[in-house]
Amino acid sequence: MAQLKHLLRIYGAIDLVVQDHPDRRGAVSRLLPVYRDPDVQWFRDFEELTAKRAPEYKRPPDEPLELLHQALDGLADDLVERQAKGEPERPRMRARRLYALAAAAQAFPELRDPDGKAYTADRAKRALRFEVPEEDEDKTRGLLGALRDLPRGDPDAQWQAKLDSGLVADPQMVGPRPCSGRLVMVGTSLSRR
């Protein structure tokens, strides 16, 4: 459950940053098409509703980059804890984690230079280190770069190419990219896609 909280906060950081920097919306919308609509925003409303329903809920930072850092650190810490306990990784969680980091790389310029020593890139590399064979620093950096470039071309083909690149440990355990279903009007009825 902790991983889901951290993933939600990564997406929340993305939502907040596109509100502050509308110029980043186009890049984000290639992976998260809902952001093609300039009026889309949800995280602040979600946080408000959660705080009302759960008084013990601890609100995350309002600043997008700080929220991203907190989520990446939480994700990495959770992975370290799971590994120490010998808990198996859920394959679809790996896909969700990789996809969230790919989306974050579209929204945060700090993640666009995987060779950089920036704090944000270091946090992302730490969260990715279990995704690469043998915790290889070069492959971790390469994977962050590959995720940054994911939106170019057909997303499904690009996703498979990243899995087949040798940068991801046990790619068969990751599977297809997480779905991004939506309802669309087809004639006079709704169809799920």
C-alpha atoms as a PDB file:
ATOM      1  CA  MET A   1       0.000   0.000   0.000  1.00  0.00           C
ATOM      2  CA  ALA A   2       2.893   2.370   0.695  1.00  0.00           C
ATOM      3  CA  GLN A   3       4.060   2.174  -2.922  1.00  0.00           C
ATOM      4  CA  LEU A   4       0.639   3.245  -4.133  1.00  0.00           C
ATOM      5  CA  LYS A   5       0.756   6.291  -1.858  1.00  0.00           C
ATOM      6  CA  HIS A   6       4.137   7.286  -3.264  1.00  0.00           C
ATOM      7  CA  LEU A   7       3.005   6.721  -6.851  1.00  0.00           C
ATOM      8  CA  LEU A   8      -0.096   8.809  -6.230  1.00  0.00           C
ATOM      9  CA  ARG A   9       2.124  11.588  -4.925  1.00  0.00           C
ATOM     10  CA  ILE A  10       4.365  11.405  -7.998  1.00  0.00           C
ATOM     11  CA  TYR A  11       1.268  11.924 -10.122  1.00  0.00           C
ATOM     12  CA  GLY A  12       0.189  14.663  -7.707  1.00  0.00           C
ATOM     13  CA  ALA A  13       3.536  16.421  -8.160  1.00  0.00           C
ATOM     14  CA  ILE A  14       3.039  16.203 -11.925  1.00  0.00           C
ATOM     15  CA  ASP A  15      -0.444  17.699 -11.569  1.00  0.00           C
ATOM     16  CA  LEU A  16       0.868  20.555  -9.441  1.00  0.00           C
ATOM     17  CA  VAL A  17       3.792  21.367 -11.707  1.00  0.00           C
ATOM     18  CA  VAL A  18       1.653  21.600 -14.856  1.00  0.00           C
ATOM     19  CA  GLN A  19      -0.584  24.079 -13.012  1.00  0.00           C
ATOM     20  CA  ASP A  20       2.471  26.221 -12.234  1.00  0.00           C
ATOM     21  CA  HIS A  21       4.161  25.615 -15.617  1.00  0.00           C
ATOM     22  CA  PRO A  22       1.521  25.161 -18.350  1.00  0.00           C
ATOM     23  CA  ASP A  23       4.308  24.901 -20.949  1.00  0.00           C
ATOM     24  CA  ARG A  24       5.095  21.420 -19.586  1.00  0.00           C
ATOM     25  CA  ARG A  25       1.550  20.166 -20.154  1.00  0.00           C
ATOM     26  CA  GLY A  26       2.199  19.111 -23.764  1.00  0.00           C
ATOM     27  CA  ALA A  27       5.087  16.815 -22.860  1.00  0.00           C
ATOM     28  CA  VAL A  28       3.133  15.315 -19.963  1.00  0.00           C
ATOM     29  CA  SER A  29       0.049  14.760 -22.135  1.00  0.00           C
ATOM     30  CA  ARG A  30       1.978  12.389 -24.410  1.00  0.00           C
ATOM     31  CA  LEU A  31       1.959   9.866 -21.552  1.00  0.00           C
ATOM     32  CA  LEU A  32      -1.043  11.166 -19.623  1.00  0.00           C
ATOM     33  CA  PRO A  33      -3.506  12.276 -22.341  1.00  0.00           C
ATOM     34  CA  VAL A  34      -5.949  13.802 -19.851  1.00  0.00           C
ATOM     35  CA  TYR A  35      -3.551  16.770 -19.584  1.00  0.00           C
ATOM     36  CA  ARG A  36      -4.370  17.809 -23.147  1.00  0.00           C
ATOM     37  CA  ASP A  37      -7.232  19.679 -21.518  1.00  0.00           C
ATOM     38  CA  PRO A  38      -5.760  22.878 -20.023  1.00  0.00           C
ATOM     39  CA  ASP A  39      -8.364  22.892 -17.257  1.00  0.00           C
ATOM     40  CA  VAL A  40      -7.480  19.480 -15.839  1.00  0.00           C
ATOM     41  CA  GLN A  41      -6.273  19.563 -12.253  1.00  0.00           C
ATOM     42  CA  TRP A  42      -7.110  17.200  -9.430  1.00  0.00           C
ATOM     43  CA  PHE A  43      -4.457  16.832  -6.751  1.00  0.00           C
ATOM     44  CA  ARG A  44      -5.322  19.813  -4.535  1.00  0.00           C
ATOM     45  CA  ASP A  45      -9.000  18.774  -4.557  1.00  0.00           C
ATOM     46  CA  PHE A  46      -8.003  15.194  -3.769  1.00  0.00           C
ATOM     47  CA  GLU A  47      -5.856  16.337  -0.835  1.00  0.00           C
ATOM     48  CA  GLU A  48      -8.654  18.534   0.499  1.00  0.00           C
ATOM     49  CA  LEU A  49     -11.174  15.699   0.335  1.00  0.00           C
ATOM     50  CA  THR A  50      -8.742  13.235   1.938  1.00  0.00           C
ATOM     51  CA  ALA A  51      -7.965  15.649   4.786  1.00  0.00           C
ATOM     52  CA  LYS A  52     -11.702  16.094   5.475  1.00  0.00           C
ATOM     53  CA  ARG A  53     -12.399  12.358   5.529  1.00  0.00           C
ATOM     54  CA  ALA A  54      -9.289  11.309   7.470  1.00  0.00           C
ATOM     55  CA  PRO A  55      -8.352  13.885  10.115  1.00  0.00           C
ATOM     56  CA  GLU A  56      -5.132  11.983  10.911  1.00  0.00           C
ATOM     57  CA  TYR A  57      -4.022  12.325   7.279  1.00  0.00           C
ATOM     58  CA  LYS A  58      -0.699  14.099   6.957  1.00  0.00           C
ATOM     59  CA  ARG A  59      -0.772  16.448   3.997  1.00  0.00           C
ATOM     60  CA  PRO A  60       2.214  16.380   1.659  1.00  0.00           C
ATOM     61  CA  PRO A  61       4.160  19.497   0.652  1.00  0.00           C
ATOM     62  CA  ASP A  62       2.419  21.928  -1.716  1.00  0.00           C
ATOM     63  CA  GLU A  63       5.580  22.623  -3.691  1.00  0.00           C
ATOM     64  CA  PRO A  64       5.725  20.178  -6.651  1.00  0.00           C
ATOM     65  CA  LEU A  65       9.461  19.470  -6.602  1.00  0.00           C
ATOM     66  CA  GLU A  66       9.481  18.906  -2.852  1.00  0.00           C
ATOM     67  CA  LEU A  67       6.498  16.566  -3.215  1.00  0.00           C
ATOM     68  CA  LEU A  68       8.301  14.669  -5.980  1.00  0.00           C
ATOM     69  CA  HIS A  69      11.436  14.320  -3.833  1.00  0.00           C
ATOM     70  CA  GLN A  70       9.389  13.039  -0.906  1.00  0.00           C
ATOM     71  CA  ALA A  71       7.566  10.521  -3.112  1.00  0.00           C
ATOM     72  CA  LEU A  72      10.777   9.267  -4.776  1.00  0.00           C
ATOM     73  CA  ASP A  73      12.485   8.877  -1.401  1.00  0.00           C
ATOM     74  CA  GLY A  74       9.456   7.075   0.012  1.00  0.00           C
ATOM     75  CA  LEU A  75       9.362   4.748  -2.977  1.00  0.00           C
ATOM     76  CA  ALA A  76      13.071   3.939  -2.657  1.00  0.00           C
ATOM     77  CA  ASP A  77      12.805   3.401   1.116  1.00  0.00           C
ATOM     78  CA  ASP A  78       9.817   1.110   0.651  1.00  0.00           C
ATOM     79  CA  LEU A  79      11.729  -0.961  -1.908  1.00  0.00           C
ATOM     80  CA  VAL A  80      14.736  -1.281   0.414  1.00  0.00           C
ATOM     81  CA  GLU A  81      12.454  -2.378   3.255  1.00  0.00           C
ATOM     82  CA  ARG A  82      10.663  -4.926   1.059  1.00  0.00           C
ATOM     83  CA  GLN A  83      13.937  -6.364  -0.157  1.00  0.00           C
ATOM     84  CA  ALA A  84      15.308  -6.613   3.412  1.00  0.00           C
ATOM     85  CA  LYS A  85      12.194  -8.537   4.451  1.00  0.00           C
ATOM     86  CA  GLY A  86      12.446 -10.779   1.403  1.00  0.00           C
ATOM     87  CA  GLU A  87       8.989  -9.767   0.201  1.00  0.00           C
ATOM     88  CA  PRO A  88       8.428 -10.518  -3.477  1.00  0.00           C
ATOM     89  CA  GLU A  89       7.828  -7.662  -5.872  1.00  0.00           C
ATOM     90  CA  ARG A  90       4.450  -7.506  -7.544  1.00  0.00           C
ATOM     91  CA  PRO A  91       5.152  -7.361 -11.303  1.00  0.00           C
ATOM     92  CA  ARG A  92       2.434  -4.849 -12.168  1.00  0.00           C
ATOM     93  CA  MET A  93       3.744  -2.540  -9.452  1.00  0.00           C
ATOM     94  CA  ARG A  94       7.042  -2.441 -11.332  1.00  0.00           C
ATOM     95  CA  ALA A  95       5.221  -1.315 -14.478  1.00  0.00           C
ATOM     96  CA  ARG A  96       3.339   1.347 -12.529  1.00  0.00           C
ATOM     97  CA  ARG A  97       6.542   2.604 -10.925  1.00  0.00           C
ATOM     98  CA  LEU A  98       8.408   2.799 -14.236  1.00  0.00           C
ATOM     99  CA  TYR A  99       5.493   4.553 -15.935  1.00  0.00           C
ATOM    100  CA  ALA A 100       5.132   7.100 -13.126  1.00  0.00           C
ATOM    101  CA  LEU A 101       8.831   7.925 -13.380  1.00  0.00           C
ATOM    102  CA  ALA A 102       8.530   8.251 -17.163  1.00  0.00           C
ATOM    103  CA  ALA A 103       5.641  10.705 -16.698  1.00  0.00           C
ATOM    104  CA  ALA A 104       7.593  12.632 -14.048  1.00  0.00           C
ATOM    105  CA  ALA A 105      10.535  12.920 -16.457  1.00  0.00           C
ATOM    106  CA  GLN A 106       8.209  14.777 -18.830  1.00  0.00           C
ATOM    107  CA  ALA A 107       7.130  17.263 -16.171  1.00  0.00           C
ATOM    108  CA  PHE A 108      10.367  17.968 -14.331  1.00  0.00           C
ATOM    109  CA  PRO A 109      13.384  19.241 -16.292  1.00  0.00           C
ATOM    110  CA  GLU A 110      15.526  18.095 -13.362  1.00  0.00           C
ATOM    111  CA  LEU A 111      14.937  14.512 -14.530  1.00  0.00           C
ATOM    112  CA  ARG A 112      15.803  15.153 -18.161  1.00  0.00           C
ATOM    113  CA  ASP A 113      19.545  14.867 -17.616  1.00  0.00           C
ATOM    114  CA  PRO A 114      20.167  11.380 -16.227  1.00  0.00           C
ATOM    115  CA  ASP A 115      23.917  12.031 -16.268  1.00  0.00           C
ATOM    116  CA  GLY A 116      23.492  15.055 -14.029  1.00  0.00           C
ATOM    117  CA  LYS A 117      24.252  15.006 -10.341  1.00  0.00           C
ATOM    118  CA  ALA A 118      21.144  16.996  -9.499  1.00  0.00           C
ATOM    119  CA  TYR A 119      19.332  16.047  -6.304  1.00  0.00           C
ATOM    120  CA  THR A 120      16.146  15.136  -8.193  1.00  0.00           C
ATOM    121  CA  ALA A 121      17.909  12.834 -10.655  1.00  0.00           C
ATOM    122  CA  ASP A 122      19.738  11.162  -7.782  1.00  0.00           C
ATOM    123  CA  ARG A 123      16.413  10.528  -6.016  1.00  0.00           C
ATOM    124  CA  ALA A 124      14.965   8.992  -9.193  1.00  0.00           C
ATOM    125  CA  LYS A 125      18.035   6.807  -9.736  1.00  0.00           C
ATOM    126  CA  ARG A 126      17.729   5.591  -6.140  1.00  0.00           C
ATOM    127  CA  ALA A 127      14.079   4.667  -6.763  1.00  0.00           C
ATOM    128  CA  LEU A 128      15.103   2.808  -9.953  1.00  0.00           C
ATOM    129  CA  ARG A 129      18.098   0.906  -8.661  1.00  0.00           C
ATOM    130  CA  PHE A 130      16.182  -2.337  -8.124  1.00  0.00           C
ATOM    131  CA  GLU A 131      14.851  -2.194 -11.677  1.00  0.00           C
ATOM    132  CA  VAL A 132      18.246  -2.742 -13.263  1.00  0.00           C
ATOM    133  CA  PRO A 133      20.375  -5.881 -13.208  1.00  0.00           C
ATOM    134  CA  GLU A 134      22.905  -5.917 -10.369  1.00  0.00           C
ATOM    135  CA  GLU A 135      22.229  -2.331  -9.203  1.00  0.00           C
ATOM    136  CA  ASP A 136      24.476  -1.015 -11.999  1.00  0.00           C
ATOM    137  CA  GLU A 137      24.831   2.803 -11.788  1.00  0.00           C
ATOM    138  CA  ASP A 138      25.354   3.153 -15.549  1.00  0.00           C
ATOM    139  CA  LYS A 139      22.259   1.083 -16.301  1.00  0.00           C
ATOM    140  CA  THR A 140      20.239   3.033 -13.725  1.00  0.00           C
ATOM    141  CA  ARG A 141      21.262   6.273 -15.431  1.00  0.00           C
ATOM    142  CA  GLY A 142      20.493   4.691 -18.823  1.00  0.00           C
ATOM    143  CA  LEU A 143      17.068   3.549 -17.659  1.00  0.00           C
ATOM    144  CA  LEU A 144      16.187   7.043 -16.430  1.00  0.00           C
ATOM    145  CA  GLY A 145      17.236   8.387 -19.836  1.00  0.00           C
ATOM    146  CA  ALA A 146      15.159   5.727 -21.614  1.00  0.00           C
ATOM    147  CA  LEU A 147      12.089   6.563 -19.520  1.00  0.00           C
ATOM    148  CA  ARG A 148      12.549  10.236 -20.325  1.00  0.00           C
ATOM    149  CA  ASP A 149      12.398   9.395 -24.045  1.00  0.00           C
ATOM    150  CA  LEU A 150       9.378   7.058 -23.771  1.00  0.00           C
ATOM    151  CA  PRO A 151       6.753   9.298 -25.430  1.00  0.00           C
ATOM    152  CA  ARG A 152       8.417   9.373 -28.839  1.00  0.00           C
ATOM    153  CA  GLY A 153       6.450   7.224 -31.264  1.00  0.00           C
ATOM    154  CA  ASP A 154       3.956   4.505 -30.414  1.00  0.00           C
ATOM    155  CA  PRO A 155       3.851   4.267 -26.575  1.00  0.00           C
ATOM    156  CA  ASP A 156       3.310   0.499 -26.551  1.00  0.00           C
ATOM    157  CA  ALA A 157       6.155  -0.161 -28.991  1.00  0.00           C
ATOM    158  CA  GLN A 158       8.419   2.247 -27.086  1.00  0.00           C
ATOM    159  CA  TRP A 159       7.544   0.560 -23.787  1.00  0.00           C
ATOM    160  CA  GLN A 160       8.424  -2.858 -25.210  1.00  0.00           C
ATOM    161  CA  ALA A 161      11.650  -1.499 -26.692  1.00  0.00           C
ATOM    162  CA  LYS A 162      12.669  -0.190 -23.260  1.00  0.00           C
ATOM    163  CA  LEU A 163      11.926  -3.562 -21.687  1.00  0.00           C
ATOM    164  CA  ASP A 164      13.942  -5.337 -24.385  1.00  0.00           C
ATOM    165  CA  SER A 165      16.889  -2.928 -24.113  1.00  0.00           C
ATOM    166  CA  GLY A 166      18.681  -4.877 -21.386  1.00  0.00           C
ATOM    167  CA  LEU A 167      18.305  -1.968 -18.969  1.00  0.00           C
ATOM    168  CA  VAL A 168      15.462  -3.587 -17.005  1.00  0.00           C
ATOM    169  CA  ALA A 169      16.011  -6.624 -14.810  1.00  0.00           C
ATOM    170  CA  ASP A 170      13.565  -9.474 -15.544  1.00  0.00           C
ATOM    171  CA  PRO A 171      11.573  -7.524 -18.151  1.00  0.00           C
ATOM    172  CA  GLN A 172       9.116 -10.390 -18.613  1.00  0.00           C
ATOM    173  CA  MET A 173       7.995  -9.750 -15.017  1.00  0.00           C
ATOM    174  CA  VAL A 174       7.073  -6.132 -15.817  1.00  0.00           C
ATOM    175  CA  GLY A 175       4.640  -6.754 -18.651  1.00  0.00           C
ATOM    176  CA  PRO A 176       2.825  -4.181 -20.780  1.00  0.00           C
ATOM    177  CA  ARG A 177       2.659  -0.541 -19.824  1.00  0.00           C
ATOM    178  CA  PRO A 178      -0.077   0.292 -17.332  1.00  0.00           C
ATOM    179  CA  CYS A 179      -3.370   0.899 -19.031  1.00  0.00           C
ATOM    180  CA  SER A 180      -4.761   4.347 -19.375  1.00  0.00           C
ATOM    181  CA  GLY A 181      -8.369   3.476 -20.138  1.00  0.00           C
ATOM    182  CA  ARG A 182     -11.028   6.048 -20.784  1.00  0.00           C
ATOM    183  CA  LEU A 183     -14.650   6.269 -21.867  1.00  0.00           C
ATOM    184  CA  VAL A 184     -15.357   7.610 -25.332  1.00  0.00           C
ATOM    185  CA  MET A 185     -18.575   8.197 -27.259  1.00  0.00           C
ATOM    186  CA  VAL A 186     -19.075   5.751 -30.126  1.00  0.00           C
ATOM    187  CA  GLY A 187     -22.204   6.650 -32.011  1.00  0.00           C
ATOM    188  CA  THR A 188     -24.867   6.960 -29.314  1.00  0.00           C
ATOM    189  CA  SER A 189     -23.290   4.724 -26.702  1.00  0.00           C
ATOM    190  CA  LEU A 190     -20.244   4.779 -24.454  1.00  0.00           C
ATOM    191  CA  SER A 191     -17.381   2.444 -25.163  1.00  0.00           C
ATOM    192  CA  ARG A 192     -14.533   1.640 -22.826  1.00  0.00           C
ATOM    193  CA  ARG A 193     -10.997   1.928 -24.290  1.00  0.00           C
END
